[in-house]
Amino acid sequence: MAGGWTRDGAVQDQIDASIEDAVEQARSRLAGGGESALHCEECEAAIPELRRKAIVGVRLCVSCQSEQEEKQVSSTGINRRASKDSQLR
């Protein structure tokens, strides 16, 4: 269902694009791959073996990773693709 001057399926295209953006953002935050570090790059604490096996290419301990994630800017949830919904906010 489309309204106004939009074509049919335009709303779904916006939803799909928003999901693709979120997935790409999440992928960019993943570890780069390769061999995991034995010690945290920030605080030099030992990284447990289970963490190294679970996350390939891990470079930070849990506490440093948590601090880094808290500092990252979160999405505001506003559709940046100029939808009618984003104009109403």
PDB file of N, CA and C in Angstrom:
ATOM      1  N   MET A   1       0.840  -1.183   0.000  1.00  0.00           N
ATOM      2  CA  MET A   1       0.000   0.000   0.000  1.00  0.00           C
ATOM      3  C   MET A   1       0.880   1.239   0.000  1.00  0.00           C
ATOM      4  N   ALA A   2       0.669   2.086  -0.923  1.00  0.00           N
ATOM      5  CA  ALA A   2       1.405   3.338  -0.994  1.00  0.00           C
ATOM      6  C   ALA A   2       0.406   4.474  -0.963  1.00  0.00           C
ATOM      7  N   GLY A   3       0.853   5.613  -0.583  1.00  0.00           N
ATOM      8  CA  GLY A   3      -0.032   6.762  -0.517  1.00  0.00           C
ATOM      9  C   GLY A   3       0.587   7.950  -1.214  1.00  0.00           C
ATOM     10  N   GLY A   4      -0.228   8.878  -1.568  1.00  0.00           N
ATOM     11  CA  GLY A   4       0.290  10.092  -2.197  1.00  0.00           C
ATOM     12  C   GLY A   4       0.918   9.796  -3.543  1.00  0.00           C
ATOM     13  N   TRP A   5       2.162  10.264  -3.727  1.00  0.00           N
ATOM     14  CA  TRP A   5       2.844  10.102  -5.002  1.00  0.00           C
ATOM     15  C   TRP A   5       3.824   8.932  -4.997  1.00  0.00           C
ATOM     16  N   THR A   6       3.761   8.098  -3.989  1.00  0.00           N
ATOM     17  CA  THR A   6       4.696   6.970  -3.930  1.00  0.00           C
ATOM     18  C   THR A   6       4.143   5.787  -4.696  1.00  0.00           C
ATOM     19  N   ARG A   7       5.040   4.936  -5.137  1.00  0.00           N
ATOM     20  CA  ARG A   7       4.625   3.744  -5.878  1.00  0.00           C
ATOM     21  C   ARG A   7       4.288   2.634  -4.884  1.00  0.00           C
ATOM     22  N   ASP A   8       3.620   1.613  -5.355  1.00  0.00           N
ATOM     23  CA  ASP A   8       3.319   0.462  -4.514  1.00  0.00           C
ATOM     24  C   ASP A   8       4.618  -0.192  -4.065  1.00  0.00           C
ATOM     25  N   GLY A   9       4.697  -0.538  -2.792  1.00  0.00           N
ATOM     26  CA  GLY A   9       5.880  -1.197  -2.260  1.00  0.00           C
ATOM     27  C   GLY A   9       6.932  -0.245  -1.732  1.00  0.00           C
ATOM     28  N   ALA A  10       6.708   1.056  -1.848  1.00  0.00           N
ATOM     29  CA  ALA A  10       7.702   2.025  -1.405  1.00  0.00           C
ATOM     30  C   ALA A  10       7.910   1.960   0.108  1.00  0.00           C
ATOM     31  N   VAL A  11       6.851   1.742   0.853  1.00  0.00           N
ATOM     32  CA  VAL A  11       6.970   1.653   2.306  1.00  0.00           C
ATOM     33  C   VAL A  11       7.809   0.448   2.683  1.00  0.00           C
ATOM     34  N   GLN A  12       7.563  -0.686   2.030  1.00  0.00           N
ATOM     35  CA  GLN A  12       8.359  -1.885   2.307  1.00  0.00           C
ATOM     36  C   GLN A  12       9.815  -1.664   1.918  1.00  0.00           C
ATOM     37  N   ASP A  13      10.063  -0.940   0.839  1.00  0.00           N
ATOM     38  CA  ASP A  13      11.437  -0.631   0.443  1.00  0.00           C
ATOM     39  C   ASP A  13      12.144   0.171   1.526  1.00  0.00           C
ATOM     40  N   GLN A  14      11.440   1.109   2.145  1.00  0.00           N
ATOM     41  CA  GLN A  14      12.022   1.907   3.226  1.00  0.00           C
ATOM     42  C   GLN A  14      12.323   1.038   4.440  1.00  0.00           C
ATOM     43  N   ILE A  15      11.416   0.140   4.767  1.00  0.00           N
ATOM     44  CA  ILE A  15      11.633  -0.769   5.887  1.00  0.00           C
ATOM     45  C   ILE A  15      12.848  -1.648   5.607  1.00  0.00           C
ATOM     46  N   ASP A  16      12.918  -2.213   4.411  1.00  0.00           N
ATOM     47  CA  ASP A  16      14.044  -3.067   4.035  1.00  0.00           C
ATOM     48  C   ASP A  16      15.365  -2.299   4.100  1.00  0.00           C
ATOM     49  N   ALA A  17      15.360  -1.060   3.614  1.00  0.00           N
ATOM     50  CA  ALA A  17      16.576  -0.249   3.628  1.00  0.00           C
ATOM     51  C   ALA A  17      17.013   0.059   5.059  1.00  0.00           C
ATOM     52  N   SER A  18      16.048   0.329   5.938  1.00  0.00           N
ATOM     53  CA  SER A  18      16.381   0.588   7.335  1.00  0.00           C
ATOM     54  C   SER A  18      16.991  -0.646   7.995  1.00  0.00           C
ATOM     55  N   ILE A  19      16.456  -1.807   7.682  1.00  0.00           N
ATOM     56  CA  ILE A  19      16.993  -3.061   8.227  1.00  0.00           C
ATOM     57  C   ILE A  19      18.397  -3.310   7.680  1.00  0.00           C
ATOM     58  N   GLU A  20      18.594  -3.097   6.400  1.00  0.00           N
ATOM     59  CA  GLU A  20      19.920  -3.282   5.803  1.00  0.00           C
ATOM     60  C   GLU A  20      20.941  -2.348   6.434  1.00  0.00           C
ATOM     61  N   ASP A  21      20.538  -1.101   6.705  1.00  0.00           N
ATOM     62  CA  ASP A  21      21.436  -0.154   7.373  1.00  0.00           C
ATOM     63  C   ASP A  21      21.819  -0.645   8.761  1.00  0.00           C
ATOM     64  N   ALA A  22      20.847  -1.160   9.510  1.00  0.00           N
ATOM     65  CA  ALA A  22      21.111  -1.649  10.865  1.00  0.00           C
ATOM     66  C   ALA A  22      22.020  -2.869  10.846  1.00  0.00           C
ATOM     67  N   VAL A  23      21.802  -3.768   9.887  1.00  0.00           N
ATOM     68  CA  VAL A  23      22.654  -4.953   9.770  1.00  0.00           C
ATOM     69  C   VAL A  23      24.075  -4.540   9.412  1.00  0.00           C
ATOM     70  N   GLU A  24      24.227  -3.624   8.488  1.00  0.00           N
ATOM     71  CA  GLU A  24      25.559  -3.150   8.094  1.00  0.00           C
ATOM     72  C   GLU A  24      26.271  -2.483   9.266  1.00  0.00           C
ATOM     73  N   GLN A  25      25.541  -1.713  10.047  1.00  0.00           N
ATOM     74  CA  GLN A  25      26.129  -1.072  11.222  1.00  0.00           C
ATOM     75  C   GLN A  25      26.581  -2.119  12.237  1.00  0.00           C
ATOM     76  N   ALA A  26      25.777  -3.138  12.438  1.00  0.00           N
ATOM     77  CA  ALA A  26      26.147  -4.206  13.377  1.00  0.00           C
ATOM     78  C   ALA A  26      27.365  -4.970  12.877  1.00  0.00           C
ATOM     79  N   ARG A  27      27.417  -5.244  11.585  1.00  0.00           N
ATOM     80  CA  ARG A  27      28.574  -5.954  11.023  1.00  0.00           C
ATOM     81  C   ARG A  27      29.848  -5.131  11.160  1.00  0.00           C
ATOM     82  N   SER A  28      29.734  -3.825  11.041  1.00  0.00           N
ATOM     83  CA  SER A  28      30.927  -2.983  11.144  1.00  0.00           C
ATOM     84  C   SER A  28      31.506  -2.994  12.555  1.00  0.00           C
ATOM     85  N   ARG A  29      30.682  -3.341  13.547  1.00  0.00           N
ATOM     86  CA  ARG A  29      31.154  -3.392  14.931  1.00  0.00           C
ATOM     87  C   ARG A  29      31.783  -4.738  15.303  1.00  0.00           C
ATOM     88  N   LEU A  30      31.605  -5.743  14.448  1.00  0.00           N
ATOM     89  CA  LEU A  30      32.167  -7.056  14.741  1.00  0.00           C
ATOM     90  C   LEU A  30      33.685  -7.017  14.656  1.00  0.00           C
ATOM     91  N   ALA A  31      34.328  -7.945  15.360  1.00  0.00           N
ATOM     92  CA  ALA A  31      35.775  -8.053  15.308  1.00  0.00           C
ATOM     93  C   ALA A  31      36.206  -8.334  13.874  1.00  0.00           C
ATOM     94  N   GLY A  32      37.390  -7.889  13.536  1.00  0.00           N
ATOM     95  CA  GLY A  32      37.875  -7.967  12.171  1.00  0.00           C
ATOM     96  C   GLY A  32      38.255  -9.343  11.674  1.00  0.00           C
ATOM     97  N   GLY A  33      38.191 -10.350  12.485  1.00  0.00           N
ATOM     98  CA  GLY A  33      38.591 -11.681  12.058  1.00  0.00           C
ATOM     99  C   GLY A  33      40.063 -11.894  12.361  1.00  0.00           C
ATOM    100  N   GLY A  34      40.589 -12.984  11.893  1.00  0.00           N
ATOM    101  CA  GLY A  34      41.979 -13.298  12.167  1.00  0.00           C
ATOM    102  C   GLY A  34      42.118 -13.920  13.545  1.00  0.00           C
ATOM    103  N   GLU A  35      43.319 -13.916  14.036  1.00  0.00           N
ATOM    104  CA  GLU A  35      43.595 -14.542  15.325  1.00  0.00           C
ATOM    105  C   GLU A  35      43.247 -13.602  16.475  1.00  0.00           C
ATOM    106  N   SER A  36      42.660 -14.159  17.504  1.00  0.00           N
ATOM    107  CA  SER A  36      42.283 -13.372  18.681  1.00  0.00           C
ATOM    108  C   SER A  36      43.517 -13.023  19.514  1.00  0.00           C
ATOM    109  N   ALA A  37      43.462 -11.890  20.167  1.00  0.00           N
ATOM    110  CA  ALA A  37      44.546 -11.469  21.056  1.00  0.00           C
ATOM    111  C   ALA A  37      44.463 -12.237  22.373  1.00  0.00           C
ATOM    112  N   LEU A  38      45.602 -12.496  22.962  1.00  0.00           N
ATOM    113  CA  LEU A  38      45.635 -13.170  24.263  1.00  0.00           C
ATOM    114  C   LEU A  38      45.374 -12.194  25.400  1.00  0.00           C
ATOM    115  N   HIS A  39      45.745 -10.925  25.183  1.00  0.00           N
ATOM    116  CA  HIS A  39      45.552  -9.887  26.201  1.00  0.00           C
ATOM    117  C   HIS A  39      44.828  -8.696  25.580  1.00  0.00           C
ATOM    118  N   CYS A  40      44.038  -8.021  26.392  1.00  0.00           N
ATOM    119  CA  CYS A  40      43.253  -6.864  25.956  1.00  0.00           C
ATOM    120  C   CYS A  40      44.179  -5.753  25.453  1.00  0.00           C
ATOM    121  N   GLU A  41      43.830  -5.138  24.343  1.00  0.00           N
ATOM    122  CA  GLU A  41      44.623  -4.049  23.787  1.00  0.00           C
ATOM    123  C   GLU A  41      44.516  -2.779  24.616  1.00  0.00           C
ATOM    124  N   GLU A  42      43.480  -2.648  25.420  1.00  0.00           N
ATOM    125  CA  GLU A  42      43.283  -1.450  26.233  1.00  0.00           C
ATOM    126  C   GLU A  42      43.916  -1.564  27.619  1.00  0.00           C
ATOM    127  N   CYS A  43      43.595  -2.646  28.318  1.00  0.00           N
ATOM    128  CA  CYS A  43      43.999  -2.743  29.731  1.00  0.00           C
ATOM    129  C   CYS A  43      45.005  -3.860  30.013  1.00  0.00           C
ATOM    130  N   GLU A  44      45.402  -4.614  28.989  1.00  0.00           N
ATOM    131  CA  GLU A  44      46.381  -5.695  29.124  1.00  0.00           C
ATOM    132  C   GLU A  44      45.877  -6.894  29.934  1.00  0.00           C
ATOM    133  N   ALA A  45      44.595  -6.942  30.278  1.00  0.00           N
ATOM    134  CA  ALA A  45      44.043  -8.082  31.017  1.00  0.00           C
ATOM    135  C   ALA A  45      43.978  -9.291  30.080  1.00  0.00           C
ATOM    136  N   ALA A  46      44.134 -10.479  30.654  1.00  0.00           N
ATOM    137  CA  ALA A  46      44.063 -11.703  29.853  1.00  0.00           C
ATOM    138  C   ALA A  46      42.631 -11.899  29.337  1.00  0.00           C
ATOM    139  N   ILE A  47      42.513 -12.278  28.086  1.00  0.00           N
ATOM    140  CA  ILE A  47      41.203 -12.568  27.489  1.00  0.00           C
ATOM    141  C   ILE A  47      40.967 -14.068  27.639  1.00  0.00           C
ATOM    142  N   PRO A  48      39.881 -14.466  28.289  1.00  0.00           N
ATOM    143  CA  PRO A  48      39.623 -15.896  28.512  1.00  0.00           C
ATOM    144  C   PRO A  48      39.532 -16.681  27.201  1.00  0.00           C
ATOM    145  N   GLU A  49      39.948 -17.939  27.261  1.00  0.00           N
ATOM    146  CA  GLU A  49      39.966 -18.789  26.076  1.00  0.00           C
ATOM    147  C   GLU A  49      38.574 -18.942  25.454  1.00  0.00           C
ATOM    148  N   LEU A  50      37.542 -19.066  26.287  1.00  0.00           N
ATOM    149  CA  LEU A  50      36.182 -19.219  25.758  1.00  0.00           C
ATOM    150  C   LEU A  50      35.762 -17.990  24.958  1.00  0.00           C
ATOM    151  N   ARG A  51      36.148 -16.807  25.409  1.00  0.00           N
ATOM    152  CA  ARG A  51      35.823 -15.576  24.673  1.00  0.00           C
ATOM    153  C   ARG A  51      36.578 -15.553  23.346  1.00  0.00           C
ATOM    154  N   ARG A  52      37.826 -15.954  23.355  1.00  0.00           N
ATOM    155  CA  ARG A  52      38.628 -15.970  22.124  1.00  0.00           C
ATOM    156  C   ARG A  52      38.049 -16.946  21.108  1.00  0.00           C
ATOM    157  N   LYS A  53      37.512 -18.062  21.583  1.00  0.00           N
ATOM    158  CA  LYS A  53      36.910 -19.047  20.677  1.00  0.00           C
ATOM    159  C   LYS A  53      35.541 -18.583  20.171  1.00  0.00           C
ATOM    160  N   ALA A  54      34.794 -17.903  21.031  1.00  0.00           N
ATOM    161  CA  ALA A  54      33.435 -17.469  20.668  1.00  0.00           C
ATOM    162  C   ALA A  54      33.447 -16.317  19.666  1.00  0.00           C
ATOM    163  N   ILE A  55      34.424 -15.416  19.800  1.00  0.00           N
ATOM    164  CA  ILE A  55      34.482 -14.237  18.942  1.00  0.00           C
ATOM    165  C   ILE A  55      35.828 -14.237  18.228  1.00  0.00           C
ATOM    166  N   VAL A  56      35.822 -14.647  16.981  1.00  0.00           N
ATOM    167  CA  VAL A  56      37.058 -14.721  16.201  1.00  0.00           C
ATOM    168  C   VAL A  56      37.626 -13.318  16.014  1.00  0.00           C
ATOM    169  N   GLY A  57      38.895 -13.145  16.340  1.00  0.00           N
ATOM    170  CA  GLY A  57      39.547 -11.850  16.154  1.00  0.00           C
ATOM    171  C   GLY A  57      39.310 -10.868  17.277  1.00  0.00           C
ATOM    172  N   VAL A  58      38.855 -11.341  18.433  1.00  0.00           N
ATOM    173  CA  VAL A  58      38.571 -10.439  19.546  1.00  0.00           C
ATOM    174  C   VAL A  58      39.854  -9.742  20.005  1.00  0.00           C
ATOM    175  N   ARG A  59      39.741  -8.475  20.347  1.00  0.00           N
ATOM    176  CA  ARG A  59      40.892  -7.670  20.748  1.00  0.00           C
ATOM    177  C   ARG A  59      40.743  -7.048  22.129  1.00  0.00           C
ATOM    178  N   LEU A  60      39.518  -7.048  22.657  1.00  0.00           N
ATOM    179  CA  LEU A  60      39.255  -6.395  23.940  1.00  0.00           C
ATOM    180  C   LEU A  60      38.634  -7.369  24.933  1.00  0.00           C
ATOM    181  N   CYS A  61      38.887  -7.148  26.226  1.00  0.00           N
ATOM    182  CA  CYS A  61      38.228  -7.937  27.266  1.00  0.00           C
ATOM    183  C   CYS A  61      36.762  -7.485  27.362  1.00  0.00           C
ATOM    184  N   VAL A  62      35.977  -8.191  28.130  1.00  0.00           N
ATOM    185  CA  VAL A  62      34.539  -7.900  28.223  1.00  0.00           C
ATOM    186  C   VAL A  62      34.297  -6.489  28.746  1.00  0.00           C
ATOM    187  N   SER A  63      35.006  -6.095  29.806  1.00  0.00           N
ATOM    188  CA  SER A  63      34.742  -4.771  30.397  1.00  0.00           C
ATOM    189  C   SER A  63      35.146  -3.641  29.447  1.00  0.00           C
ATOM    190  N   CYS A  64      36.276  -3.770  28.766  1.00  0.00           N
ATOM    191  CA  CYS A  64      36.681  -2.727  27.814  1.00  0.00           C
ATOM    192  C   CYS A  64      35.746  -2.683  26.609  1.00  0.00           C
ATOM    193  N   GLN A  65      35.290  -3.856  26.155  1.00  0.00           N
ATOM    194  CA  GLN A  65      34.335  -3.902  25.050  1.00  0.00           C
ATOM    195  C   GLN A  65      33.030  -3.235  25.446  1.00  0.00           C
ATOM    196  N   SER A  66      32.581  -3.476  26.683  1.00  0.00           N
ATOM    197  CA  SER A  66      31.342  -2.861  27.167  1.00  0.00           C
ATOM    198  C   SER A  66      31.472  -1.344  27.215  1.00  0.00           C
ATOM    199  N   GLU A  67      32.612  -0.857  27.709  1.00  0.00           N
ATOM    200  CA  GLU A  67      32.835   0.594  27.759  1.00  0.00           C
ATOM    201  C   GLU A  67      32.822   1.197  26.356  1.00  0.00           C
ATOM    202  N   GLN A  68      33.459   0.511  25.412  1.00  0.00           N
ATOM    203  CA  GLN A  68      33.496   1.008  24.046  1.00  0.00           C
ATOM    204  C   GLN A  68      32.107   1.068  23.431  1.00  0.00           C
ATOM    205  N   GLU A  69      31.295   0.037  23.684  1.00  0.00           N
ATOM    206  CA  GLU A  69      29.943   0.014  23.131  1.00  0.00           C
ATOM    207  C   GLU A  69      29.056   1.090  23.741  1.00  0.00           C
ATOM    208  N   GLU A  70      29.259   1.422  25.007  1.00  0.00           N
ATOM    209  CA  GLU A  70      28.475   2.486  25.647  1.00  0.00           C
ATOM    210  C   GLU A  70      28.786   3.843  25.037  1.00  0.00           C
ATOM    211  N   LYS A  71      30.011   4.024  24.582  1.00  0.00           N
ATOM    212  CA  LYS A  71      30.430   5.301  24.001  1.00  0.00           C
ATOM    213  C   LYS A  71      29.913   5.495  22.584  1.00  0.00           C
ATOM    214  N   GLN A  72      29.587   4.393  21.894  1.00  0.00           N
ATOM    215  CA  GLN A  72      29.133   4.489  20.514  1.00  0.00           C
ATOM    216  C   GLN A  72      27.773   5.162  20.451  1.00  0.00           C
ATOM    217  N   VAL A  73      27.587   5.951  19.435  1.00  0.00           N
ATOM    218  CA  VAL A  73      26.332   6.658  19.232  1.00  0.00           C
ATOM    219  C   VAL A  73      25.281   5.664  18.770  1.00  0.00           C
ATOM    220  N   SER A  74      24.141   5.683  19.417  1.00  0.00           N
ATOM    221  CA  SER A  74      23.059   4.786  19.010  1.00  0.00           C
ATOM    222  C   SER A  74      22.174   5.473  17.987  1.00  0.00           C
ATOM    223  N   SER A  75      21.478   4.662  17.227  1.00  0.00           N
ATOM    224  CA  SER A  75      20.571   5.174  16.212  1.00  0.00           C
ATOM    225  C   SER A  75      19.383   5.857  16.879  1.00  0.00           C
ATOM    226  N   THR A  76      18.925   6.950  16.298  1.00  0.00           N
ATOM    227  CA  THR A  76      17.812   7.688  16.868  1.00  0.00           C
ATOM    228  C   THR A  76      16.467   7.077  16.500  1.00  0.00           C
ATOM    229  N   GLY A  77      16.466   6.174  15.528  1.00  0.00           N
ATOM    230  CA  GLY A  77      15.225   5.545  15.118  1.00  0.00           C
ATOM    231  C   GLY A  77      14.441   6.351  14.101  1.00  0.00           C
ATOM    232  N   ILE A  78      14.967   7.478  13.671  1.00  0.00           N
ATOM    233  CA  ILE A  78      14.287   8.285  12.669  1.00  0.00           C
ATOM    234  C   ILE A  78      14.723   7.801  11.297  1.00  0.00           C
ATOM    235  N   ASN A  79      13.766   7.579  10.436  1.00  0.00           N
ATOM    236  CA  ASN A  79      14.059   7.122   9.090  1.00  0.00           C
ATOM    237  C   ASN A  79      14.713   8.259   8.321  1.00  0.00           C
ATOM    238  N   ARG A  80      15.957   8.043   7.901  1.00  0.00           N
ATOM    239  CA  ARG A  80      16.716   9.089   7.210  1.00  0.00           C
ATOM    240  C   ARG A  80      16.364   9.186   5.740  1.00  0.00           C
ATOM    241  N   ARG A  81      15.451   8.403   5.293  1.00  0.00           N
ATOM    242  CA  ARG A  81      15.148   8.379   3.868  1.00  0.00           C
ATOM    243  C   ARG A  81      13.950   9.277   3.519  1.00  0.00           C
ATOM    244  N   ALA A  82      13.706  10.282   4.328  1.00  0.00           N
ATOM    245  CA  ALA A  82      12.693  11.304   4.070  1.00  0.00           C
ATOM    246  C   ALA A  82      11.288  10.739   3.951  1.00  0.00           C
ATOM    247  N   SER A  83      10.978   9.776   4.783  1.00  0.00           N
ATOM    248  CA  SER A  83       9.619   9.252   4.751  1.00  0.00           C
ATOM    249  C   SER A  83       8.679  10.224   5.450  1.00  0.00           C
ATOM    250  N   LYS A  84       7.419  10.062   5.211  1.00  0.00           N
ATOM    251  CA  LYS A  84       6.409  10.908   5.852  1.00  0.00           C
ATOM    252  C   LYS A  84       6.504  10.774   7.363  1.00  0.00           C
ATOM    253  N   ASP A  85       6.760   9.546   7.847  1.00  0.00           N
ATOM    254  CA  ASP A  85       6.861   9.300   9.290  1.00  0.00           C
ATOM    255  C   ASP A  85       7.985  10.140   9.903  1.00  0.00           C
ATOM    256  N   SER A  86       9.132  10.216   9.223  1.00  0.00           N
ATOM    257  CA  SER A  86      10.244  10.969   9.788  1.00  0.00           C
ATOM    258  C   SER A  86       9.974  12.462   9.781  1.00  0.00           C
ATOM    259  N   GLN A  87       9.141  12.945   8.877  1.00  0.00           N
ATOM    260  CA  GLN A  87       8.828  14.359   8.817  1.00  0.00           C
ATOM    261  C   GLN A  87       7.868  14.774   9.923  1.00  0.00           C
ATOM    262  N   LEU A  88       7.132  13.814  10.475  1.00  0.00           N
ATOM    263  CA  LEU A  88       6.167  14.119  11.523  1.00  0.00           C
ATOM    264  C   LEU A  88       6.807  14.205  12.906  1.00  0.00           C
ATOM    265  N   ARG A  89       8.037  13.748  13.035  1.00  0.00           N
ATOM    266  CA  ARG A  89       8.689  13.733  14.353  1.00  0.00           C
ATOM    267  C   ARG A  89       9.295  15.048  14.701  1.00  0.00           C
TER     268      ARG A  89
END
